[in-house]
Amino acid sequence: MKYNTTRCLIKNDNYFKNLLFGFLLVCLFGCNNSEKKGIATVVPKNKAGLILNTGIKTCESQLEIAVPKLTDLTKHPRLIATNETEWKEVPNDRLVWTSGFYPGILWYMYDLTQNKKWEAEAIKRTEVFEDFKTITEHHDIGFMMFPAYGNGYIIGKKEAYKDILLTSAASLASRFNPNVGTIKSWSNKMHPRWQQHITIIDNMLNLELLFWAAKNGGDQEFYNIAVKHAETTMKNHFRDDYTSWHVLEYDSITGDVINKHTKQGYADNSRWSRGQAWGIYGYTLVYRETKDTKFLDFAKKITDKYLSLLPEDYVPCWDFDVQDDPKEEKDASAAAVVASALLELSTYMDNQTDKERYYNAAIKMLESLNSEAYTGVGKADSFLLHSTGAKSLGHEIDVALIYADYYYIEALSRLKQIMANNLADE
């Protein structure tokens, strides 16, 4: 694969010009602004602008390389293996949970640039799996449909997607077990280790589909199911120190917790970093939709625990319980998920200290992800490298993952909105 060296040089030149400009801004205006808002606000503000601008340019340049290669509409990009450069595509199968992330990336690229080319590409890649709206075999319909059809409805104003999303929400809600109080995640046939009702921490993100549907003409019971799932998960899925288990098995009749295990973490009792990331993102969105402060308080507690465990570059090892070993792989996807979540969480803080702390942490994560250590620029077709999907299962180890790219570009979109709002308030 050949890269456009000229474009890379131009991009890097612009980056250093922007960096110099940002430094001069700090020098010229830093003192006055620090008197008004505090030094901690000024430096990230300038840094954030550089991260946002270079991040958008990087994502667009990477898509310019990758999209012409991804022409088979029956497949979607899933990963780029270690030392490979191009996306491995997998079928748009009803059991493959990652199919919605690539069209979601394209929708966000359209949102960030307003370039109609990306809108057209997003529509083409979204509408190939409308039939997935009837999936009831697992909980991942939320992951599959909302990044694609949800962003298409919200960003692309595609009214025709509304009924597809409502049907998808009904399909997801059909897996709710009132005896347990959660949506069943996997089928027992797919995961025979567990014989009864399984719920994984990842499922928190699928609640967004239910909340959206309840607000947009769907059954109001969707809202109640989402809230009950969040409450039950908050009660059972976290340890006293606010770290998360991955998989809980419930008695389908009594609702009692039978087992607390893992599928993708290092051990049943270990702290899988992306699991904690799913929780942070999930409870932030639950607060957004309910405005119930118990969910906000919980989001803060599990976030603070996550931040306390991070290494210096704010990108965690794939499991916190093995990260003291320098040979263990990182998981950039966890950092991307949390960066996106923290940008939103920061906007819900009444306390200025907490607002700045979460915002600054998100900026630090994006700064690392945008650095030479993690970027795919000049190395592969992805935005990010060094994610780990399931090391305990022996695959997706130190690779590029499509959902890492999705949450990274979502974080950029959220950062752009926050900066625009702050500018409007000044």
Protein backbone atom coordinates (compact mmCIF):
# COMPACT_ATOMS: atom_id res chain seq x y z
CA MET A 1 0.00 0.00 0.00
CA LYS A 2 1.34 3.45 -0.92
CA TYR A 3 0.69 6.58 1.09
CA ASN A 4 0.64 10.10 -0.21
CA THR A 5 3.92 11.34 1.23
CA THR A 6 3.28 14.89 0.08
CA ARG A 7 -0.03 15.00 1.90
CA CYS A 8 1.59 13.65 5.08
CA LEU A 9 4.33 16.30 4.90
CA ILE A 10 1.80 19.05 4.34
CA LYS A 11 -0.29 17.77 7.23
CA ASN A 12 2.72 17.67 9.55
CA ASP A 13 3.81 21.14 8.46
CA ASN A 14 0.35 22.51 9.18
CA TYR A 15 0.37 20.73 12.52
CA PHE A 16 3.57 22.48 13.64
CA LYS A 17 2.29 25.82 12.36
CA ASN A 18 -0.86 25.31 14.40
CA LEU A 19 1.21 24.26 17.39
CA LEU A 20 3.34 27.42 17.16
CA PHE A 21 0.21 29.54 16.77
CA GLY A 22 -1.34 27.93 19.82
CA PHE A 23 1.84 28.54 21.84
CA LEU A 24 1.83 32.20 20.88
CA LEU A 25 -1.80 32.50 21.92
CA VAL A 26 -0.97 31.12 25.32
CA CYS A 27 1.96 33.53 25.66
CA LEU A 28 -0.03 36.56 24.54
CA PHE A 29 -3.32 35.91 26.32
CA GLY A 30 -2.55 33.32 28.97
CA CYS A 31 -2.08 35.77 31.85
CA ASN A 32 -5.28 37.72 31.26
CA ASN A 33 -7.35 34.60 30.71
CA SER A 34 -5.85 32.85 33.72
CA GLU A 35 -6.95 35.72 35.95
CA LYS A 36 -10.49 35.31 34.64
CA LYS A 37 -10.90 31.54 34.35
CA GLY A 38 -7.88 29.86 35.93
CA ILE A 39 -4.77 28.52 34.27
CA ALA A 40 -6.15 24.97 34.13
CA THR A 41 -8.84 26.16 31.71
CA VAL A 42 -6.61 28.18 29.38
CA VAL A 43 -3.97 25.61 28.46
CA PRO A 44 -6.39 22.77 27.59
CA LYS A 45 -8.49 25.20 25.59
CA ASN A 46 -5.62 25.94 23.22
CA LYS A 47 -4.44 22.36 23.26
CA ALA A 48 -7.97 21.17 22.53
CA GLY A 49 -8.17 23.31 19.42
CA LEU A 50 -4.99 21.79 18.05
CA ILE A 51 -6.13 18.28 18.89
CA LEU A 52 -9.50 18.88 17.26
CA ASN A 53 -8.12 20.37 14.05
CA THR A 54 -5.39 17.80 13.56
CA GLY A 55 -7.74 14.99 14.58
CA ILE A 56 -10.34 15.92 11.97
CA LYS A 57 -7.71 16.27 9.25
CA THR A 58 -6.17 12.94 10.23
CA CYS A 59 -9.48 11.11 10.18
CA GLU A 60 -10.45 12.54 6.82
CA SER A 61 -7.08 11.75 5.25
CA GLN A 62 -7.29 8.18 6.56
CA LEU A 63 -10.78 7.75 5.15
CA GLU A 64 -9.60 9.09 1.81
CA ILE A 65 -7.17 6.17 1.76
CA ALA A 66 -9.45 3.45 3.14
CA VAL A 67 -12.88 4.11 1.63
CA PRO A 68 -11.94 3.42 -2.02
CA LYS A 69 -10.73 -0.03 -0.95
CA LEU A 70 -13.92 -0.92 0.96
CA THR A 71 -16.31 -1.52 -1.92
CA ASP A 72 -18.05 -4.78 -0.93
CA LEU A 73 -21.34 -3.71 0.64
CA THR A 74 -21.94 -7.17 2.06
CA LYS A 75 -18.99 -6.71 4.42
CA HIS A 76 -17.64 -4.13 6.84
CA PRO A 77 -14.14 -3.38 8.18
CA ARG A 78 -13.50 -5.01 11.57
CA LEU A 79 -9.77 -4.92 12.34
CA ILE A 80 -6.29 -4.40 10.97
CA ALA A 81 -4.02 -7.15 12.21
CA THR A 82 -0.64 -6.47 13.80
CA ASN A 83 1.89 -5.38 11.17
CA GLU A 84 -0.80 -5.26 8.47
CA THR A 85 -1.96 -2.06 6.78
CA GLU A 86 -5.47 -2.65 5.42
CA TRP A 87 -8.79 -3.45 7.04
CA LYS A 88 -9.88 -7.05 7.35
CA GLU A 89 -13.53 -7.12 6.32
CA VAL A 90 -16.11 -9.47 7.80
CA PRO A 91 -19.68 -10.21 6.62
CA ASN A 92 -22.59 -8.01 7.66
CA ASP A 93 -23.99 -10.95 9.58
CA ARG A 94 -26.83 -10.79 12.13
CA LEU A 95 -24.47 -12.17 14.75
CA VAL A 96 -21.56 -9.79 14.09
CA TRP A 97 -21.92 -6.88 16.49
CA THR A 98 -19.52 -4.44 14.80
CA SER A 99 -21.39 -3.76 11.55
CA GLY A 100 -22.77 -0.35 12.57
CA PHE A 101 -19.51 1.34 13.47
CA TYR A 102 -18.16 1.97 9.97
CA PRO A 103 -21.28 3.78 8.72
CA GLY A 104 -21.32 5.59 12.07
CA ILE A 105 -17.79 6.83 11.42
CA LEU A 106 -18.87 8.14 8.03
CA TRP A 107 -21.84 9.97 9.57
CA TYR A 108 -19.51 11.66 12.06
CA MET A 109 -17.10 12.58 9.28
CA TYR A 110 -20.00 14.26 7.51
CA ASP A 111 -20.96 15.98 10.76
CA LEU A 112 -17.42 17.32 11.23
CA THR A 113 -16.81 18.46 7.65
CA GLN A 114 -20.25 18.91 6.05
CA ASN A 115 -18.75 17.30 2.98
CA LYS A 116 -21.60 15.68 1.02
CA LYS A 117 -19.23 12.96 -0.16
CA TRP A 118 -19.19 11.50 3.33
CA GLU A 119 -22.95 11.76 3.64
CA ALA A 120 -23.42 9.79 0.44
CA GLU A 121 -20.94 7.16 1.58
CA ALA A 122 -22.64 6.94 4.97
CA ILE A 123 -26.07 6.39 3.41
CA LYS A 124 -24.72 3.69 1.14
CA ARG A 125 -23.08 1.85 4.01
CA THR A 126 -26.01 2.26 6.41
CA GLU A 127 -28.87 1.03 4.29
CA VAL A 128 -27.41 -2.38 3.49
CA PHE A 129 -28.55 -3.96 6.73
CA GLU A 130 -32.08 -2.65 7.32
CA ASP A 131 -33.24 -6.23 7.92
CA PHE A 132 -31.18 -6.32 11.11
CA LYS A 133 -33.97 -4.35 12.79
CA THR A 134 -35.64 -7.65 13.68
CA ILE A 135 -32.64 -9.17 15.50
CA THR A 136 -33.74 -10.77 18.76
CA GLU A 137 -30.95 -13.34 19.07
CA HIS A 138 -28.73 -11.05 21.18
CA HIS A 139 -28.48 -7.58 22.69
CA ASP A 140 -25.98 -6.15 20.19
CA ILE A 141 -28.72 -4.77 17.94
CA GLY A 142 -28.16 -1.47 19.75
CA PHE A 143 -24.48 -1.40 18.80
CA MET A 144 -25.37 -2.43 15.26
CA MET A 145 -28.22 -0.05 14.53
CA PHE A 146 -27.74 3.15 16.53
CA PRO A 147 -24.29 4.25 15.27
CA ALA A 148 -25.57 3.75 11.73
CA TYR A 149 -29.29 4.52 11.65
CA GLY A 150 -29.30 6.65 14.80
CA ASN A 151 -26.57 8.94 13.53
CA GLY A 152 -28.21 8.91 10.13
CA TYR A 153 -31.44 10.16 11.68
CA ILE A 154 -29.79 12.72 13.98
CA ILE A 155 -26.94 13.97 11.78
CA GLY A 156 -28.29 13.18 8.34
CA LYS A 157 -31.93 14.10 9.07
CA LYS A 158 -33.04 10.85 7.46
CA GLU A 159 -36.65 10.62 8.60
CA ALA A 160 -37.05 7.25 6.88
CA TYR A 161 -34.75 5.73 9.49
CA LYS A 162 -37.17 6.43 12.33
CA ASP A 163 -39.36 3.36 11.87
CA ILE A 164 -36.29 1.16 11.46
CA LEU A 165 -34.95 2.39 14.80
CA LEU A 166 -38.31 1.92 16.52
CA THR A 167 -38.53 -1.65 15.29
CA SER A 168 -34.94 -2.21 16.43
CA ALA A 169 -35.80 -0.92 19.90
CA ALA A 170 -38.77 -3.29 20.13
CA SER A 171 -36.49 -6.16 19.16
CA LEU A 172 -34.02 -5.23 21.88
CA ALA A 173 -36.75 -4.78 24.50
CA SER A 174 -38.02 -8.30 23.79
CA ARG A 175 -34.93 -9.63 25.58
CA PHE A 176 -35.81 -7.93 28.88
CA ASN A 177 -36.51 -10.33 31.73
CA PRO A 178 -38.62 -8.65 34.45
CA ASN A 179 -37.68 -11.38 36.94
CA VAL A 180 -34.06 -10.32 36.65
CA GLY A 181 -34.45 -6.66 35.78
CA THR A 182 -32.02 -6.67 32.86
CA ILE A 183 -31.89 -7.29 29.13
CA LYS A 184 -30.35 -10.66 28.37
CA SER A 185 -27.11 -10.19 26.48
CA TRP A 186 -25.94 -13.35 24.75
CA SER A 187 -27.70 -16.56 23.90
CA ASN A 188 -26.71 -19.63 25.91
CA LYS A 189 -26.14 -21.50 22.68
CA MET A 190 -23.52 -18.96 21.65
CA HIS A 191 -21.90 -19.00 25.09
CA PRO A 192 -22.48 -22.42 26.68
CA ARG A 193 -20.43 -21.63 29.79
CA TRP A 194 -23.58 -19.96 31.13
CA GLN A 195 -26.93 -21.74 31.24
CA GLN A 196 -29.31 -19.02 32.39
CA HIS A 197 -29.77 -15.24 32.03
CA ILE A 198 -26.51 -13.53 31.03
CA THR A 199 -25.89 -9.77 31.23
CA ILE A 200 -22.60 -8.15 30.28
CA ILE A 201 -21.43 -4.65 31.15
CA ASP A 202 -21.26 -3.79 27.44
CA ASN A 203 -25.05 -3.90 27.37
CA MET A 204 -25.23 -0.49 29.03
CA LEU A 205 -24.56 1.18 25.69
CA ASN A 206 -27.52 -0.49 24.02
CA LEU A 207 -29.82 1.43 26.35
CA GLU A 208 -29.35 4.51 24.16
CA LEU A 209 -31.53 2.91 21.49
CA LEU A 210 -34.34 2.36 24.01
CA PHE A 211 -34.16 5.88 25.42
CA TRP A 212 -34.18 7.36 21.92
CA ALA A 213 -37.18 5.26 20.89
CA ALA A 214 -39.18 6.23 23.97
CA LYS A 215 -38.71 9.92 23.06
CA ASN A 216 -39.49 9.46 19.38
CA GLY A 217 -42.85 7.71 19.20
CA GLY A 218 -41.95 4.32 20.64
CA ASP A 219 -43.49 2.49 23.57
CA GLN A 220 -42.84 4.33 26.85
CA GLU A 221 -42.06 0.97 28.39
CA PHE A 222 -38.74 1.19 26.54
CA TYR A 223 -37.74 3.96 28.97
CA ASN A 224 -38.75 1.90 31.99
CA ILE A 225 -36.80 -1.11 30.75
CA ALA A 226 -33.67 0.99 30.20
CA VAL A 227 -33.88 2.52 33.66
CA LYS A 228 -34.49 -0.83 35.36
CA HIS A 229 -31.57 -2.39 33.50
CA ALA A 230 -29.30 0.46 34.62
CA GLU A 231 -30.47 0.17 38.24
CA THR A 232 -29.98 -3.60 38.37
CA THR A 233 -26.57 -3.36 36.75
CA MET A 234 -25.54 -0.61 39.16
CA LYS A 235 -26.56 -2.82 42.08
CA ASN A 236 -24.93 -6.08 40.99
CA HIS A 237 -22.26 -5.48 38.37
CA PHE A 238 -19.75 -3.46 40.38
CA ARG A 239 -17.43 -4.24 43.26
CA ASP A 240 -17.16 -2.17 46.43
CA ASP A 241 -14.22 -0.31 44.87
CA TYR A 242 -16.39 0.64 41.83
CA THR A 243 -14.64 -1.63 39.33
CA SER A 244 -16.78 -3.81 37.10
CA TRP A 245 -17.23 -7.47 36.43
CA HIS A 246 -17.74 -8.34 32.78
CA VAL A 247 -20.35 -11.13 32.80
CA LEU A 248 -23.07 -11.78 35.35
CA GLU A 249 -25.24 -14.88 35.23
CA TYR A 250 -28.64 -14.54 36.88
CA ASP A 251 -31.21 -17.13 37.82
CA SER A 252 -33.86 -16.57 35.16
CA ILE A 253 -36.73 -17.15 37.61
CA THR A 254 -35.59 -15.68 40.93
CA GLY A 255 -33.27 -12.98 39.58
CA ASP A 256 -30.52 -14.03 41.98
CA VAL A 257 -26.92 -13.58 40.86
CA ILE A 258 -25.43 -17.03 40.23
CA ASN A 259 -21.97 -16.21 38.87
CA LYS A 260 -19.67 -13.25 38.24
CA HIS A 261 -17.25 -14.03 35.42
CA THR A 262 -15.40 -12.61 32.44
CA LYS A 263 -15.21 -13.36 28.74
CA GLN A 264 -12.60 -10.88 27.56
CA GLY A 265 -10.78 -9.92 30.74
CA TYR A 266 -7.68 -11.51 32.23
CA ALA A 267 -9.58 -13.45 34.92
CA ASP A 268 -13.06 -13.69 36.40
CA ASN A 269 -12.12 -11.34 39.24
CA SER A 270 -9.85 -9.00 37.24
CA ARG A 271 -10.59 -5.46 36.12
CA TRP A 272 -11.04 -5.51 32.35
CA SER A 273 -10.37 -1.94 31.25
CA ARG A 274 -12.86 -1.72 28.39
CA GLY A 275 -15.54 -3.12 30.67
CA GLN A 276 -15.00 -0.17 33.01
CA ALA A 277 -15.08 2.10 29.95
CA TRP A 278 -18.47 0.72 28.88
CA GLY A 279 -19.78 1.45 32.37
CA ILE A 280 -18.55 5.05 32.34
CA TYR A 281 -20.09 5.70 28.96
CA GLY A 282 -23.30 3.87 29.85
CA TYR A 283 -24.07 5.69 33.10
CA THR A 284 -23.22 9.04 31.55
CA LEU A 285 -25.84 8.46 28.85
CA VAL A 286 -28.35 7.16 31.41
CA TYR A 287 -28.00 10.39 33.36
CA ARG A 288 -28.40 12.37 30.15
CA GLU A 289 -31.71 10.66 29.47
CA THR A 290 -33.13 10.51 33.02
CA LYS A 291 -31.53 13.47 34.83
CA ASP A 292 -31.60 11.22 37.90
CA THR A 293 -28.63 12.29 40.03
CA LYS A 294 -28.06 8.77 41.37
CA PHE A 295 -26.80 7.84 37.92
CA LEU A 296 -24.62 10.94 37.70
CA ASP A 297 -23.11 10.22 41.12
CA PHE A 298 -22.41 6.65 40.08
CA ALA A 299 -20.87 7.73 36.78
CA LYS A 300 -18.49 9.97 38.73
CA LYS A 301 -17.50 7.19 41.13
CA ILE A 302 -16.68 4.64 38.44
CA THR A 303 -14.92 7.33 36.39
CA ASP A 304 -12.76 8.39 39.32
CA LYS A 305 -11.79 4.77 39.91
CA TYR A 306 -10.86 4.34 36.24
CA LEU A 307 -8.76 7.52 36.23
CA SER A 308 -6.92 6.40 39.37
CA LEU A 309 -5.78 3.24 37.59
CA LEU A 310 -4.45 4.84 34.41
CA PRO A 311 -0.81 4.94 33.34
CA GLU A 312 0.94 8.20 32.53
CA ASP A 313 -0.30 8.38 28.94
CA TYR A 314 -3.95 7.77 29.96
CA VAL A 315 -4.27 4.77 27.63
CA PRO A 316 -4.86 1.64 29.72
CA CYS A 317 -3.56 -1.84 29.37
CA TRP A 318 -6.22 -4.29 28.17
CA ASP A 319 -6.77 -5.36 31.80
CA PHE A 320 -5.79 -3.26 34.80
CA ASP A 321 -4.64 -6.32 36.71
CA VAL A 322 -1.80 -7.03 34.27
CA GLN A 323 -0.70 -3.54 33.34
CA ASP A 324 2.35 -3.61 35.61
CA ASP A 325 3.85 -5.99 33.06
CA PRO A 326 5.31 -3.84 30.24
CA LYS A 327 4.88 -6.75 27.83
CA GLU A 328 1.10 -6.64 28.14
CA GLU A 329 -0.76 -4.88 25.32
CA LYS A 330 -2.60 -1.59 25.49
CA ASP A 331 -6.24 -1.00 24.58
CA ALA A 332 -6.70 2.25 22.71
CA SER A 333 -10.37 1.40 22.22
CA ALA A 334 -10.99 1.76 25.97
CA ALA A 335 -9.31 5.17 25.92
CA ALA A 336 -11.44 6.29 22.96
CA VAL A 337 -14.67 5.17 24.65
CA VAL A 338 -13.81 6.98 27.87
CA ALA A 339 -12.58 10.13 26.12
CA SER A 340 -15.93 10.45 24.38
CA ALA A 341 -17.83 9.75 27.60
CA LEU A 342 -15.80 12.21 29.70
CA LEU A 343 -16.37 15.06 27.29
CA GLU A 344 -20.10 14.58 27.79
CA LEU A 345 -19.79 13.94 31.53
CA SER A 346 -17.85 17.17 32.00
CA THR A 347 -20.81 19.17 30.71
CA TYR A 348 -23.03 17.83 33.51
CA MET A 349 -20.78 19.04 36.34
CA ASP A 350 -21.96 21.94 38.47
CA ASN A 351 -18.61 22.00 40.23
CA GLN A 352 -16.01 23.80 38.11
CA THR A 353 -13.22 21.66 39.51
CA ASP A 354 -14.91 18.44 38.41
CA LYS A 355 -15.84 19.97 35.05
CA GLU A 356 -12.22 20.86 34.34
CA ARG A 357 -10.89 17.58 35.75
CA TYR A 358 -13.00 15.40 33.46
CA TYR A 359 -12.55 17.66 30.46
CA ASN A 360 -8.77 17.80 30.93
CA ALA A 361 -8.61 14.02 31.32
CA ALA A 362 -10.46 13.60 28.03
CA ILE A 363 -8.08 16.02 26.32
CA LYS A 364 -5.11 14.08 27.69
CA MET A 365 -6.59 10.85 26.27
CA LEU A 366 -7.17 12.42 22.86
CA GLU A 367 -3.69 13.93 22.89
CA SER A 368 -2.18 10.49 23.44
CA LEU A 369 -4.41 8.83 20.84
CA ASN A 370 -3.47 11.52 18.33
CA SER A 371 0.25 11.05 19.05
CA GLU A 372 2.80 9.07 17.11
CA ALA A 373 2.47 6.26 19.65
CA TYR A 374 -1.14 5.45 18.70
CA THR A 375 -2.02 7.07 15.38
CA GLY A 376 -2.43 4.95 12.28
CA VAL A 377 -1.18 7.71 9.97
CA GLY A 378 1.57 6.44 7.72
CA LYS A 379 1.28 2.96 9.20
CA ALA A 380 -2.20 1.62 8.41
CA ASP A 381 -5.62 2.70 7.12
CA SER A 382 -7.15 3.16 10.59
CA PHE A 383 -7.32 6.25 12.78
CA LEU A 384 -5.83 4.38 15.75
CA LEU A 385 -3.54 1.44 16.45
CA HIS A 386 -2.89 -0.68 19.56
CA SER A 387 -6.31 -1.87 20.63
CA THR A 388 -6.99 -5.25 22.17
CA GLY A 389 -10.34 -6.87 21.62
CA ALA A 390 -10.14 -10.24 23.33
CA LYS A 391 -6.67 -11.35 24.40
CA SER A 392 -8.11 -13.95 26.77
CA LEU A 393 -9.68 -15.60 23.71
CA GLY A 394 -6.47 -15.39 21.73
CA HIS A 395 -7.49 -12.90 19.05
CA GLU A 396 -7.63 -9.16 18.25
CA ILE A 397 -4.42 -8.54 20.18
CA ASP A 398 -2.60 -5.23 19.52
CA VAL A 399 -4.62 -4.39 16.42
CA ALA A 400 -6.68 -1.58 14.96
CA LEU A 401 -10.37 -1.99 15.77
CA ILE A 402 -13.28 -0.31 14.00
CA TYR A 403 -15.03 0.61 17.23
CA ALA A 404 -11.89 2.31 18.55
CA ASP A 405 -12.02 4.56 15.49
CA TYR A 406 -15.75 5.12 15.98
CA TYR A 407 -15.51 6.37 19.56
CA TYR A 408 -12.44 8.42 18.68
CA ILE A 409 -14.23 10.35 15.95
CA GLU A 410 -17.32 10.64 18.17
CA ALA A 411 -15.08 12.24 20.80
CA LEU A 412 -13.86 14.74 18.19
CA SER A 413 -17.45 15.56 17.29
CA ARG A 414 -18.31 16.12 20.95
CA LEU A 415 -15.21 18.24 21.49
CA LYS A 416 -16.14 20.42 18.52
CA GLN A 417 -19.62 20.97 19.96
CA ILE A 418 -18.28 21.80 23.42
CA MET A 419 -15.83 24.31 21.99
CA ALA A 420 -18.56 25.88 19.86
CA ASN A 421 -20.84 26.17 22.91
CA ASN A 422 -18.05 27.71 24.99
CA LEU A 423 -17.33 30.21 22.24
CA ALA A 424 -21.01 31.16 22.05
CA ASP A 425 -21.09 31.71 25.82
CA GLU A 426 -18.12 34.07 25.83
